[in-house]
Amino acid sequence: MADKTIMLVCAAGMSTSLLVSKMQKAAVAQGLDADIFAVSASEADAHLAKKKIDVLMLGPQVKYMKKQFEDKVAGTDTKMDVINMQDYGMMNGEKVLKTALTLLGE
């Protein structure tokens, strides 16, 4: 089992798949054991219910759902934020991973 579980949420779960692969490469380069995956907003609840998510990051296109997701993770240890639009647009997996780790206090 991975040390960290990072879930990216976007409209359809597809646009973040490239970002996920870049984040996974950055994690491997840093020697970090992380489960990083992307889902659509409609699939997120099922994943939150079945596994411990350390960090939930919303794609810029669904940032309007931030309050809904804050309510969903309230009372859990899950950290949450919206992915920086520039980092998302540039598919900068290293910076998005760094943001996720910063949310965890690392």
C-alpha atoms as a PDB file:
ATOM      1  CA  MET A   1       0.000   0.000   0.000  1.00  0.00           C
ATOM      2  CA  ALA A   2       1.276   3.463  -0.886  1.00  0.00           C
ATOM      3  CA  ASP A   3       2.406   5.927   1.778  1.00  0.00           C
ATOM      4  CA  LYS A   4       0.331   8.727   0.233  1.00  0.00           C
ATOM      5  CA  THR A   5      -2.887   8.682  -1.759  1.00  0.00           C
ATOM      6  CA  ILE A   6      -3.549  11.702  -3.956  1.00  0.00           C
ATOM      7  CA  MET A   7      -6.794  11.972  -5.888  1.00  0.00           C
ATOM      8  CA  LEU A   8      -7.236  14.525  -8.656  1.00  0.00           C
ATOM      9  CA  VAL A   9     -10.792  15.441  -9.575  1.00  0.00           C
ATOM     10  CA  CYS A  10     -11.800  16.992 -12.878  1.00  0.00           C
ATOM     11  CA  ALA A  11     -14.901  17.198 -15.019  1.00  0.00           C
ATOM     12  CA  ALA A  12     -14.456  13.877 -16.817  1.00  0.00           C
ATOM     13  CA  GLY A  13     -11.346  12.375 -15.183  1.00  0.00           C
ATOM     14  CA  MET A  14      -9.509  12.319 -18.505  1.00  0.00           C
ATOM     15  CA  SER A  15      -7.845  15.707 -18.784  1.00  0.00           C
ATOM     16  CA  THR A  16      -5.922  15.092 -15.568  1.00  0.00           C
ATOM     17  CA  SER A  17      -4.574  11.702 -16.680  1.00  0.00           C
ATOM     18  CA  LEU A  18      -1.495  13.284 -18.285  1.00  0.00           C
ATOM     19  CA  LEU A  19      -0.910  15.315 -15.129  1.00  0.00           C
ATOM     20  CA  VAL A  20      -1.197  12.127 -13.051  1.00  0.00           C
ATOM     21  CA  SER A  21       1.524  10.420 -15.101  1.00  0.00           C
ATOM     22  CA  LYS A  22       3.801  13.437 -14.706  1.00  0.00           C
ATOM     23  CA  MET A  23       3.130  13.509 -10.950  1.00  0.00           C
ATOM     24  CA  GLN A  24       3.889   9.773 -10.732  1.00  0.00           C
ATOM     25  CA  LYS A  25       7.219  10.295 -12.513  1.00  0.00           C
ATOM     26  CA  ALA A  26       8.063  13.129 -10.102  1.00  0.00           C
ATOM     27  CA  ALA A  27       7.142  10.936  -7.124  1.00  0.00           C
ATOM     28  CA  VAL A  28       9.371   8.099  -8.372  1.00  0.00           C
ATOM     29  CA  ALA A  29      12.245  10.556  -8.900  1.00  0.00           C
ATOM     30  CA  GLN A  30      11.834  11.671  -5.279  1.00  0.00           C
ATOM     31  CA  GLY A  31      11.609   8.117  -3.962  1.00  0.00           C
ATOM     32  CA  LEU A  32       8.039   8.718  -2.820  1.00  0.00           C
ATOM     33  CA  ASP A  33       5.591   5.816  -2.670  1.00  0.00           C
ATOM     34  CA  ALA A  34       2.352   7.453  -3.782  1.00  0.00           C
ATOM     35  CA  ASP A  35      -0.929   6.293  -5.261  1.00  0.00           C
ATOM     36  CA  ILE A  36      -1.874   9.161  -7.599  1.00  0.00           C
ATOM     37  CA  PHE A  37      -4.995   8.871  -9.710  1.00  0.00           C
ATOM     38  CA  ALA A  38      -7.666  10.950 -11.415  1.00  0.00           C
ATOM     39  CA  VAL A  39     -11.437  10.592 -11.360  1.00  0.00           C
ATOM     40  CA  SER A  40     -14.397  12.533 -12.622  1.00  0.00           C
ATOM     41  CA  ALA A  41     -16.324  14.657 -10.133  1.00  0.00           C
ATOM     42  CA  SER A  42     -19.205  12.183 -10.331  1.00  0.00           C
ATOM     43  CA  GLU A  43     -16.912   9.269  -9.343  1.00  0.00           C
ATOM     44  CA  ALA A  44     -15.176  11.054  -6.468  1.00  0.00           C
ATOM     45  CA  ASP A  45     -17.719  10.135  -3.778  1.00  0.00           C
ATOM     46  CA  ALA A  46     -17.254   6.409  -4.390  1.00  0.00           C
ATOM     47  CA  HIS A  47     -13.482   6.729  -4.022  1.00  0.00           C
ATOM     48  CA  LEU A  48     -13.791   8.855  -0.874  1.00  0.00           C
ATOM     49  CA  ALA A  49     -16.060   6.187   0.607  1.00  0.00           C
ATOM     50  CA  LYS A  50     -13.843   3.200  -0.149  1.00  0.00           C
ATOM     51  CA  LYS A  51     -10.289   4.387   0.491  1.00  0.00           C
ATOM     52  CA  LYS A  52      -8.351   6.835   2.617  1.00  0.00           C
ATOM     53  CA  ILE A  53      -7.477   9.830   0.475  1.00  0.00           C
ATOM     54  CA  ASP A  54      -4.641  11.944   1.898  1.00  0.00           C
ATOM     55  CA  VAL A  55      -4.979  14.791  -0.612  1.00  0.00           C
ATOM     56  CA  LEU A  56      -7.865  15.703  -2.905  1.00  0.00           C
ATOM     57  CA  MET A  57      -7.009  18.220  -5.586  1.00  0.00           C
ATOM     58  CA  LEU A  58      -9.612  19.792  -7.841  1.00  0.00           C
ATOM     59  CA  GLY A  59      -8.829  20.648 -11.442  1.00  0.00           C
ATOM     60  CA  PRO A  60      -9.341  24.334 -12.255  1.00  0.00           C
ATOM     61  CA  GLN A  61     -12.371  23.488 -14.384  1.00  0.00           C
ATOM     62  CA  VAL A  62     -14.249  22.203 -11.302  1.00  0.00           C
ATOM     63  CA  LYS A  63     -13.039  24.751  -8.758  1.00  0.00           C
ATOM     64  CA  TYR A  64     -16.650  25.919  -8.467  1.00  0.00           C
ATOM     65  CA  MET A  65     -17.251  22.625  -6.593  1.00  0.00           C
ATOM     66  CA  LYS A  66     -14.706  23.443  -3.876  1.00  0.00           C
ATOM     67  CA  LYS A  67     -17.296  24.084  -1.149  1.00  0.00           C
ATOM     68  CA  GLN A  68     -19.100  20.808  -1.936  1.00  0.00           C
ATOM     69  CA  PHE A  69     -15.856  18.860  -1.636  1.00  0.00           C
ATOM     70  CA  GLU A  70     -14.828  20.722   1.521  1.00  0.00           C
ATOM     71  CA  ASP A  71     -18.104  19.564   3.050  1.00  0.00           C
ATOM     72  CA  LYS A  72     -17.458  15.979   1.881  1.00  0.00           C
ATOM     73  CA  VAL A  73     -14.018  15.780   3.510  1.00  0.00           C
ATOM     74  CA  ALA A  74     -14.960  17.737   6.656  1.00  0.00           C
ATOM     75  CA  GLY A  75     -14.142  15.715   9.745  1.00  0.00           C
ATOM     76  CA  THR A  76     -11.553  13.591   7.909  1.00  0.00           C
ATOM     77  CA  ASP A  77      -7.786  13.882   7.595  1.00  0.00           C
ATOM     78  CA  THR A  78      -8.096  14.560   3.855  1.00  0.00           C
ATOM     79  CA  LYS A  79      -6.398  17.789   2.764  1.00  0.00           C
ATOM     80  CA  MET A  80      -7.895  19.623  -0.180  1.00  0.00           C
ATOM     81  CA  ASP A  81      -7.095  22.410  -2.623  1.00  0.00           C
ATOM     82  CA  VAL A  82      -7.625  23.541  -6.199  1.00  0.00           C
ATOM     83  CA  ILE A  83      -4.739  22.882  -8.604  1.00  0.00           C
ATOM     84  CA  ASN A  84      -3.015  26.089  -9.654  1.00  0.00           C
ATOM     85  CA  MET A  85      -4.329  26.975 -13.115  1.00  0.00           C
ATOM     86  CA  GLN A  86      -0.878  27.722 -14.530  1.00  0.00           C
ATOM     87  CA  ASP A  87       0.609  24.479 -13.177  1.00  0.00           C
ATOM     88  CA  TYR A  88      -2.378  22.601 -14.595  1.00  0.00           C
ATOM     89  CA  GLY A  89      -2.115  24.273 -17.981  1.00  0.00           C
ATOM     90  CA  MET A  90       1.602  23.512 -18.188  1.00  0.00           C
ATOM     91  CA  MET A  91       0.987  19.954 -16.884  1.00  0.00           C
ATOM     92  CA  ASN A  92       3.684  20.606 -14.280  1.00  0.00           C
ATOM     93  CA  GLY A  93       3.424  17.363 -12.318  1.00  0.00           C
ATOM     94  CA  GLU A  94       6.405  18.208 -10.148  1.00  0.00           C
ATOM     95  CA  LYS A  95       4.857  21.466  -8.879  1.00  0.00           C
ATOM     96  CA  VAL A  96       1.404  19.932  -8.367  1.00  0.00           C
ATOM     97  CA  LEU A  97       2.992  17.076  -6.392  1.00  0.00           C
ATOM     98  CA  LYS A  98       4.929  19.630  -4.335  1.00  0.00           C
ATOM     99  CA  THR A  99       1.660  21.452  -3.583  1.00  0.00           C
ATOM    100  CA  ALA A 100       0.056  18.180  -2.466  1.00  0.00           C
ATOM    101  CA  LEU A 101       2.987  17.372  -0.175  1.00  0.00           C
ATOM    102  CA  THR A 102       2.909  20.915   1.239  1.00  0.00           C
ATOM    103  CA  LEU A 103      -0.765  20.382   2.128  1.00  0.00           C
ATOM    104  CA  LEU A 104       0.377  17.337   4.108  1.00  0.00           C
ATOM    105  CA  GLY A 105       2.976  19.428   5.923  1.00  0.00           C
ATOM    106  CA  GLU A 106       5.931  17.877   4.118  1.00  0.00           C
END
